[in-house]
């Protein structure tokens, strides 16, 4: 799990796109963490993302308990036009 904020994650993804780097982002939930624990192939896929962001509030709480006070929930927003 990467420590990031919503703004930093957005900037990172835009930078990756503008630089033509390619890659992928995983927006991780607690369920994904447990699936990665149980399935090494899934874990490799998730860990290969750049970045892996905490979607679930429990993941943010855990990061804060680990001393990452600035951790924020980074989640998909749906926009309508």
PDB file of N, CA and C in Angstrom:
ATOM      1  N   UNK A   1       0.845  -1.164   0.000  1.00  0.00           N
ATOM      2  CA  UNK A   1       0.000   0.000   0.000  1.00  0.00           C
ATOM      3  C   UNK A   1       0.891   1.227   0.000  1.00  0.00           C
ATOM      4  N   UNK A   2       0.605   2.144  -0.892  1.00  0.00           N
ATOM      5  CA  UNK A   2       1.376   3.374  -0.934  1.00  0.00           C
ATOM      6  C   UNK A   2       0.727   4.431  -0.065  1.00  0.00           C
ATOM      7  N   UNK A   3       1.565   5.128   0.711  1.00  0.00           N
ATOM      8  CA  UNK A   3       1.044   6.294   1.415  1.00  0.00           C
ATOM      9  C   UNK A   3       0.869   7.375   0.368  1.00  0.00           C
ATOM     10  N   UNK A   4      -0.300   7.944   0.327  1.00  0.00           N
ATOM     11  CA  UNK A   4      -0.539   9.031  -0.612  1.00  0.00           C
ATOM     12  C   UNK A   4      -1.764   9.802  -0.162  1.00  0.00           C
ATOM     13  N   UNK A   5      -1.986  10.891  -0.809  1.00  0.00           N
ATOM     14  CA  UNK A   5      -3.219  11.646  -0.628  1.00  0.00           C
ATOM     15  C   UNK A   5      -3.947  11.616  -1.958  1.00  0.00           C
ATOM     16  N   UNK A   6      -5.204  12.023  -1.938  1.00  0.00           N
ATOM     17  CA  UNK A   6      -5.975  12.029  -3.185  1.00  0.00           C
ATOM     18  C   UNK A   6      -5.284  12.900  -4.228  1.00  0.00           C
ATOM     19  N   UNK A   7      -4.825  14.074  -3.792  1.00  0.00           N
ATOM     20  CA  UNK A   7      -4.174  14.998  -4.722  1.00  0.00           C
ATOM     21  C   UNK A   7      -2.880  14.410  -5.267  1.00  0.00           C
ATOM     22  N   UNK A   8      -2.055  13.836  -4.404  1.00  0.00           N
ATOM     23  CA  UNK A   8      -0.782  13.258  -4.855  1.00  0.00           C
ATOM     24  C   UNK A   8      -1.004  12.084  -5.798  1.00  0.00           C
ATOM     25  N   UNK A   9      -1.990  11.249  -5.510  1.00  0.00           N
ATOM     26  CA  UNK A   9      -2.276  10.110  -6.392  1.00  0.00           C
ATOM     27  C   UNK A   9      -2.730  10.596  -7.766  1.00  0.00           C
ATOM     28  N   UNK A  10      -3.573  11.616  -7.779  1.00  0.00           N
ATOM     29  CA  UNK A  10      -4.038  12.177  -9.052  1.00  0.00           C
ATOM     30  C   UNK A  10      -2.862  12.724  -9.846  1.00  0.00           C
ATOM     31  N   UNK A  11      -1.995  13.462  -9.182  1.00  0.00           N
ATOM     32  CA  UNK A  11      -0.819  14.023  -9.851  1.00  0.00           C
ATOM     33  C   UNK A  11       0.080  12.919 -10.392  1.00  0.00           C
ATOM     34  N   UNK A  12       0.251  11.850  -9.621  1.00  0.00           N
ATOM     35  CA  UNK A  12       1.101  10.739 -10.060  1.00  0.00           C
ATOM     36  C   UNK A  12       0.540  10.065 -11.304  1.00  0.00           C
ATOM     37  N   UNK A  13      -0.757   9.831 -11.327  1.00  0.00           N
ATOM     38  CA  UNK A  13      -1.384   9.180 -12.481  1.00  0.00           C
ATOM     39  C   UNK A  13      -1.291  10.084 -13.716  1.00  0.00           C
ATOM     40  N   UNK A  14      -1.539  11.368 -13.535  1.00  0.00           N
ATOM     41  CA  UNK A  14      -1.431  12.300 -14.667  1.00  0.00           C
ATOM     42  C   UNK A  14       0.001  12.376 -15.186  1.00  0.00           C
ATOM     43  N   UNK A  15       0.971  12.357 -14.282  1.00  0.00           N
ATOM     44  CA  UNK A  15       2.368  12.368 -14.692  1.00  0.00           C
ATOM     45  C   UNK A  15       2.723  11.108 -15.468  1.00  0.00           C
ATOM     46  N   UNK A  16       2.249   9.961 -14.989  1.00  0.00           N
ATOM     47  CA  UNK A  16       2.495   8.703 -15.699  1.00  0.00           C
ATOM     48  C   UNK A  16       1.915   8.763 -17.112  1.00  0.00           C
ATOM     49  N   UNK A  17       0.712   9.302 -17.230  1.00  0.00           N
ATOM     50  CA  UNK A  17       0.053   9.392 -18.541  1.00  0.00           C
ATOM     51  C   UNK A  17       0.786  10.374 -19.450  1.00  0.00           C
ATOM     52  N   UNK A  18       1.132  11.537 -18.917  1.00  0.00           N
ATOM     53  CA  UNK A  18       1.814  12.551 -19.723  1.00  0.00           C
ATOM     54  C   UNK A  18       3.191  12.113 -20.177  1.00  0.00           C
ATOM     55  N   UNK A  19       3.869  11.315 -19.365  1.00  0.00           N
ATOM     56  CA  UNK A  19       5.200  10.813 -19.717  1.00  0.00           C
ATOM     57  C   UNK A  19       5.138   9.576 -20.605  1.00  0.00           C
ATOM     58  N   UNK A  20       3.936   9.056 -20.855  1.00  0.00           N
ATOM     59  CA  UNK A  20       3.792   7.860 -21.674  1.00  0.00           C
ATOM     60  C   UNK A  20       4.348   6.615 -21.006  1.00  0.00           C
ATOM     61  N   UNK A  21       4.394   6.618 -19.679  1.00  0.00           N
ATOM     62  CA  UNK A  21       4.979   5.502 -18.945  1.00  0.00           C
ATOM     63  C   UNK A  21       4.118   4.242 -18.990  1.00  0.00           C
ATOM     64  N   UNK A  22       2.816   4.402 -19.103  1.00  0.00           N
ATOM     65  CA  UNK A  22       1.943   3.246 -18.985  1.00  0.00           C
ATOM     66  C   UNK A  22       1.885   2.792 -17.538  1.00  0.00           C
ATOM     67  N   UNK A  23       1.307   1.660 -17.311  1.00  0.00           N
ATOM     68  CA  UNK A  23       1.182   1.135 -15.962  1.00  0.00           C
ATOM     69  C   UNK A  23      -0.267   1.028 -15.547  1.00  0.00           C
ATOM     70  N   UNK A  24      -0.455   0.717 -14.287  1.00  0.00           N
ATOM     71  CA  UNK A  24      -1.814   0.592 -13.780  1.00  0.00           C
ATOM     72  C   UNK A  24      -1.864   0.958 -12.314  1.00  0.00           C
ATOM     73  N   UNK A  25      -3.073   1.270 -11.867  1.00  0.00           N
ATOM     74  CA  UNK A  25      -3.322   1.678 -10.488  1.00  0.00           C
ATOM     75  C   UNK A  25      -4.274   0.670  -9.865  1.00  0.00           C
ATOM     76  N   UNK A  26      -4.002   0.275  -8.644  1.00  0.00           N
ATOM     77  CA  UNK A  26      -4.955  -0.537  -7.887  1.00  0.00           C
ATOM     78  C   UNK A  26      -5.517   0.316  -6.767  1.00  0.00           C
ATOM     79  N   UNK A  27      -6.819   0.381  -6.708  1.00  0.00           N
ATOM     80  CA  UNK A  27      -7.521   1.083  -5.642  1.00  0.00           C
ATOM     81  C   UNK A  27      -7.969  -0.006  -4.685  1.00  0.00           C
ATOM     82  N   UNK A  28      -7.213  -0.172  -3.604  1.00  0.00           N
ATOM     83  CA  UNK A  28      -7.334  -1.358  -2.765  1.00  0.00           C
ATOM     84  C   UNK A  28      -8.340  -1.212  -1.637  1.00  0.00           C
ATOM     85  N   UNK A  29      -9.061  -2.283  -1.424  1.00  0.00           N
ATOM     86  CA  UNK A  29      -9.972  -2.403  -0.294  1.00  0.00           C
ATOM     87  C   UNK A  29      -9.389  -3.425   0.684  1.00  0.00           C
ATOM     88  N   UNK A  30      -9.987  -3.522   1.850  1.00  0.00           N
ATOM     89  CA  UNK A  30      -9.562  -4.540   2.807  1.00  0.00           C
ATOM     90  C   UNK A  30      -9.697  -5.937   2.239  1.00  0.00           C
ATOM     91  N   UNK A  31     -10.734  -6.149   1.439  1.00  0.00           N
ATOM     92  CA  UNK A  31     -10.944  -7.458   0.810  1.00  0.00           C
ATOM     93  C   UNK A  31      -9.769  -7.805  -0.109  1.00  0.00           C
ATOM     94  N   UNK A  32      -9.291  -6.812  -0.859  1.00  0.00           N
ATOM     95  CA  UNK A  32      -8.159  -7.064  -1.749  1.00  0.00           C
ATOM     96  C   UNK A  32      -6.905  -7.441  -0.955  1.00  0.00           C
ATOM     97  N   UNK A  33      -6.712  -6.815   0.193  1.00  0.00           N
ATOM     98  CA  UNK A  33      -5.557  -7.144   1.033  1.00  0.00           C
ATOM     99  C   UNK A  33      -5.630  -8.610   1.443  1.00  0.00           C
ATOM    100  N   UNK A  34      -6.798  -9.051   1.875  1.00  0.00           N
ATOM    101  CA  UNK A  34      -6.953 -10.440   2.316  1.00  0.00           C
ATOM    102  C   UNK A  34      -6.827 -11.411   1.144  1.00  0.00           C
ATOM    103  N   UNK A  35      -7.366 -11.053  -0.016  1.00  0.00           N
ATOM    104  CA  UNK A  35      -7.211 -11.911  -1.202  1.00  0.00           C
ATOM    105  C   UNK A  35      -5.741 -12.039  -1.576  1.00  0.00           C
ATOM    106  N   UNK A  36      -4.989 -10.939  -1.474  1.00  0.00           N
ATOM    107  CA  UNK A  36      -3.561 -10.981  -1.752  1.00  0.00           C
ATOM    108  C   UNK A  36      -2.814 -11.863  -0.763  1.00  0.00           C
ATOM    109  N   UNK A  37      -3.281 -11.875   0.458  1.00  0.00           N
ATOM    110  CA  UNK A  37      -2.669 -12.739   1.478  1.00  0.00           C
ATOM    111  C   UNK A  37      -2.874 -14.204   1.125  1.00  0.00           C
ATOM    112  N   UNK A  38      -4.053 -14.523   0.590  1.00  0.00           N
ATOM    113  CA  UNK A  38      -4.408 -15.912   0.276  1.00  0.00           C
ATOM    114  C   UNK A  38      -3.940 -16.374  -1.095  1.00  0.00           C
ATOM    115  N   UNK A  39      -3.683 -15.439  -2.017  1.00  0.00           N
ATOM    116  CA  UNK A  39      -3.372 -15.792  -3.400  1.00  0.00           C
ATOM    117  C   UNK A  39      -2.112 -15.046  -3.857  1.00  0.00           C
ATOM    118  N   UNK A  40      -0.962 -15.722  -3.879  1.00  0.00           N
ATOM    119  CA  UNK A  40       0.291 -15.060  -4.254  1.00  0.00           C
ATOM    120  C   UNK A  40       0.269 -14.436  -5.647  1.00  0.00           C
ATOM    121  N   UNK A  41      -0.446 -15.042  -6.601  1.00  0.00           N
ATOM    122  CA  UNK A  41      -0.527 -14.461  -7.945  1.00  0.00           C
ATOM    123  C   UNK A  41      -1.268 -13.124  -7.910  1.00  0.00           C
ATOM    124  N   UNK A  42      -2.367 -13.072  -7.175  1.00  0.00           N
ATOM    125  CA  UNK A  42      -3.119 -11.827  -7.040  1.00  0.00           C
ATOM    126  C   UNK A  42      -2.261 -10.784  -6.321  1.00  0.00           C
ATOM    127  N   UNK A  43      -1.540 -11.216  -5.303  1.00  0.00           N
ATOM    128  CA  UNK A  43      -0.675 -10.306  -4.557  1.00  0.00           C
ATOM    129  C   UNK A  43       0.377  -9.675  -5.471  1.00  0.00           C
ATOM    130  N   UNK A  44       0.981 -10.455  -6.356  1.00  0.00           N
ATOM    131  CA  UNK A  44       1.981  -9.933  -7.295  1.00  0.00           C
ATOM    132  C   UNK A  44       1.363  -8.893  -8.228  1.00  0.00           C
ATOM    133  N   UNK A  45       0.137  -9.151  -8.680  1.00  0.00           N
ATOM    134  CA  UNK A  45      -0.533  -8.205  -9.573  1.00  0.00           C
ATOM    135  C   UNK A  45      -0.777  -6.887  -8.859  1.00  0.00           C
ATOM    136  N   UNK A  46      -1.328  -6.963  -7.662  1.00  0.00           N
ATOM    137  CA  UNK A  46      -1.613  -5.742  -6.901  1.00  0.00           C
ATOM    138  C   UNK A  46      -0.310  -5.019  -6.573  1.00  0.00           C
ATOM    139  N   UNK A  47       0.683  -5.745  -6.089  1.00  0.00           N
ATOM    140  CA  UNK A  47       1.945  -5.116  -5.720  1.00  0.00           C
ATOM    141  C   UNK A  47       2.693  -4.529  -6.912  1.00  0.00           C
ATOM    142  N   UNK A  48       2.355  -4.967  -8.116  1.00  0.00           N
ATOM    143  CA  UNK A  48       2.986  -4.424  -9.319  1.00  0.00           C
ATOM    144  C   UNK A  48       2.410  -3.103  -9.772  1.00  0.00           C
ATOM    145  N   UNK A  49       1.313  -2.698  -9.175  1.00  0.00           N
ATOM    146  CA  UNK A  49       0.675  -1.432  -9.555  1.00  0.00           C
ATOM    147  C   UNK A  49       1.498  -0.263  -9.043  1.00  0.00           C
ATOM    148  N   UNK A  50       1.331   0.861  -9.705  1.00  0.00           N
ATOM    149  CA  UNK A  50       2.028   2.069  -9.297  1.00  0.00           C
ATOM    150  C   UNK A  50       1.084   3.252  -9.480  1.00  0.00           C
ATOM    151  N   UNK A  51       0.377   3.623  -8.475  1.00  0.00           N
ATOM    152  CA  UNK A  51       0.421   3.249  -7.069  1.00  0.00           C
ATOM    153  C   UNK A  51      -0.675   2.249  -6.697  1.00  0.00           C
ATOM    154  N   UNK A  52      -0.613   1.786  -5.438  1.00  0.00           N
ATOM    155  CA  UNK A  52      -1.705   1.036  -4.807  1.00  0.00           C
ATOM    156  C   UNK A  52      -2.257   1.967  -3.740  1.00  0.00           C
ATOM    157  N   UNK A  53      -3.496   2.381  -3.907  1.00  0.00           N
ATOM    158  CA  UNK A  53      -4.066   3.378  -2.993  1.00  0.00           C
ATOM    159  C   UNK A  53      -5.085   2.748  -2.048  1.00  0.00           C
ATOM    160  N   UNK A  54      -5.237   3.303  -0.846  1.00  0.00           N
ATOM    161  CA  UNK A  54      -6.207   2.776   0.115  1.00  0.00           C
ATOM    162  C   UNK A  54      -7.603   3.324  -0.163  1.00  0.00           C
ATOM    163  N   UNK A  55      -8.492   2.488  -0.645  1.00  0.00           N
ATOM    164  CA  UNK A  55      -9.875   2.913  -0.870  1.00  0.00           C
ATOM    165  C   UNK A  55     -10.674   2.829   0.413  1.00  0.00           C
ATOM    166  N   UNK A  56     -10.434   1.805   1.174  1.00  0.00           N
ATOM    167  CA  UNK A  56     -11.237   1.559   2.365  1.00  0.00           C
ATOM    168  C   UNK A  56     -10.758   2.354   3.569  1.00  0.00           C
ATOM    169  N   UNK A  57     -11.713   2.885   4.315  1.00  0.00           N
ATOM    170  CA  UNK A  57     -11.384   3.632   5.530  1.00  0.00           C
ATOM    171  C   UNK A  57     -10.614   2.765   6.525  1.00  0.00           C
ATOM    172  N   UNK A  58     -10.949   1.469   6.709  1.00  0.00           N
ATOM    173  CA  UNK A  58     -10.152   0.660   7.632  1.00  0.00           C
ATOM    174  C   UNK A  58      -8.667   0.612   7.250  1.00  0.00           C
ATOM    175  N   UNK A  59      -8.359   0.651   5.962  1.00  0.00           N
ATOM    176  CA  UNK A  59      -6.954   0.675   5.556  1.00  0.00           C
ATOM    177  C   UNK A  59      -6.296   1.989   5.965  1.00  0.00           C
ATOM    178  N   UNK A  60      -7.030   3.077   5.851  1.00  0.00           N
ATOM    179  CA  UNK A  60      -6.506   4.373   6.291  1.00  0.00           C
ATOM    180  C   UNK A  60      -6.274   4.352   7.796  1.00  0.00           C
ATOM    181  N   UNK A  61      -7.214   3.813   8.549  1.00  0.00           N
ATOM    182  CA  UNK A  61      -7.043   3.714  10.001  1.00  0.00           C
ATOM    183  C   UNK A  61      -5.783   2.910  10.332  1.00  0.00           C
ATOM    184  N   UNK A  62      -5.587   1.791   9.627  1.00  0.00           N
ATOM    185  CA  UNK A  62      -4.412   0.954   9.879  1.00  0.00           C
ATOM    186  C   UNK A  62      -3.128   1.718   9.565  1.00  0.00           C
ATOM    187  N   UNK A  63      -3.120   2.461   8.473  1.00  0.00           N
ATOM    188  CA  UNK A  63      -1.937   3.249   8.118  1.00  0.00           C
ATOM    189  C   UNK A  63      -1.658   4.300   9.187  1.00  0.00           C
ATOM    190  N   UNK A  64      -2.712   4.918   9.700  1.00  0.00           N
ATOM    191  CA  UNK A  64      -2.539   5.918  10.755  1.00  0.00           C
ATOM    192  C   UNK A  64      -1.980   5.272  12.026  1.00  0.00           C
ATOM    193  N   UNK A  65      -2.457   4.065  12.340  1.00  0.00           N
ATOM    194  CA  UNK A  65      -1.913   3.349  13.497  1.00  0.00           C
ATOM    195  C   UNK A  65      -0.437   3.013  13.307  1.00  0.00           C
ATOM    196  N   UNK A  66      -0.025   2.850  12.060  1.00  0.00           N
ATOM    197  CA  UNK A  66       1.376   2.571  11.756  1.00  0.00           C
ATOM    198  C   UNK A  66       2.223   3.847  11.715  1.00  0.00           C
ATOM    199  N   UNK A  67       1.582   4.982  12.004  1.00  0.00           N
ATOM    200  CA  UNK A  67       2.322   6.237  12.077  1.00  0.00           C
ATOM    201  C   UNK A  67       2.237   7.121  10.854  1.00  0.00           C
ATOM    202  N   UNK A  68       1.432   6.741   9.875  1.00  0.00           N
ATOM    203  CA  UNK A  68       1.292   7.546   8.658  1.00  0.00           C
ATOM    204  C   UNK A  68       0.083   8.455   8.852  1.00  0.00           C
ATOM    205  N   UNK A  69       0.296   9.546   9.550  1.00  0.00           N
ATOM    206  CA  UNK A  69      -0.808  10.421   9.979  1.00  0.00           C
ATOM    207  C   UNK A  69      -1.510  11.120   8.826  1.00  0.00           C
ATOM    208  N   UNK A  70      -0.811  11.334   7.710  1.00  0.00           N
ATOM    209  CA  UNK A  70      -1.394  12.053   6.575  1.00  0.00           C
ATOM    210  C   UNK A  70      -2.163  11.143   5.609  1.00  0.00           C
ATOM    211  N   UNK A  71      -2.244   9.851   5.905  1.00  0.00           N
ATOM    212  CA  UNK A  71      -2.911   8.906   5.000  1.00  0.00           C
ATOM    213  C   UNK A  71      -4.351   9.336   4.749  1.00  0.00           C
ATOM    214  N   UNK A  72      -4.760   9.216   3.507  1.00  0.00           N
ATOM    215  CA  UNK A  72      -6.128   9.564   3.099  1.00  0.00           C
ATOM    216  C   UNK A  72      -6.724   8.437   2.273  1.00  0.00           C
ATOM    217  N   UNK A  73      -8.017   8.359   2.290  1.00  0.00           N
ATOM    218  CA  UNK A  73      -8.745   7.445   1.416  1.00  0.00           C
ATOM    219  C   UNK A  73      -8.647   7.978  -0.007  1.00  0.00           C
ATOM    220  N   UNK A  74      -8.246   7.131  -0.926  1.00  0.00           N
ATOM    221  CA  UNK A  74      -8.138   7.500  -2.336  1.00  0.00           C
ATOM    222  C   UNK A  74      -9.054   6.548  -3.093  1.00  0.00           C
ATOM    223  N   UNK A  75     -10.099   7.073  -3.652  1.00  0.00           N
ATOM    224  CA  UNK A  75     -11.148   6.236  -4.212  1.00  0.00           C
ATOM    225  C   UNK A  75     -11.599   6.771  -5.563  1.00  0.00           C
ATOM    226  N   UNK A  76     -12.295   5.921  -6.278  1.00  0.00           N
ATOM    227  CA  UNK A  76     -12.819   6.285  -7.588  1.00  0.00           C
ATOM    228  C   UNK A  76     -14.014   7.199  -7.400  1.00  0.00           C
ATOM    229  N   UNK A  77     -14.000   8.303  -8.113  1.00  0.00           N
ATOM    230  CA  UNK A  77     -15.138   9.196  -8.121  1.00  0.00           C
ATOM    231  C   UNK A  77     -15.815   9.094  -9.471  1.00  0.00           C
ATOM    232  N   UNK A  78     -17.107   9.050  -9.442  1.00  0.00           N
ATOM    233  CA  UNK A  78     -17.862   8.981 -10.701  1.00  0.00           C
ATOM    234  C   UNK A  78     -18.468  10.344 -10.963  1.00  0.00           C
ATOM    235  N   UNK A  79     -18.235  10.830 -12.149  1.00  0.00           N
ATOM    236  CA  UNK A  79     -18.750  12.135 -12.537  1.00  0.00           C
ATOM    237  C   UNK A  79     -19.837  11.959 -13.586  1.00  0.00           C
ATOM    238  N   UNK A  80     -20.829  12.752 -13.495  1.00  0.00           N
ATOM    239  CA  UNK A  80     -21.869  12.757 -14.532  1.00  0.00           C
ATOM    240  C   UNK A  80     -21.855  14.120 -15.191  1.00  0.00           C
ATOM    241  N   UNK A  81     -22.221  14.122 -16.457  1.00  0.00           N
ATOM    242  CA  UNK A  81     -22.240  15.394 -17.186  1.00  0.00           C
ATOM    243  C   UNK A  81     -23.640  15.758 -17.570  1.00  0.00           C
TER     244      UNK A  81
END
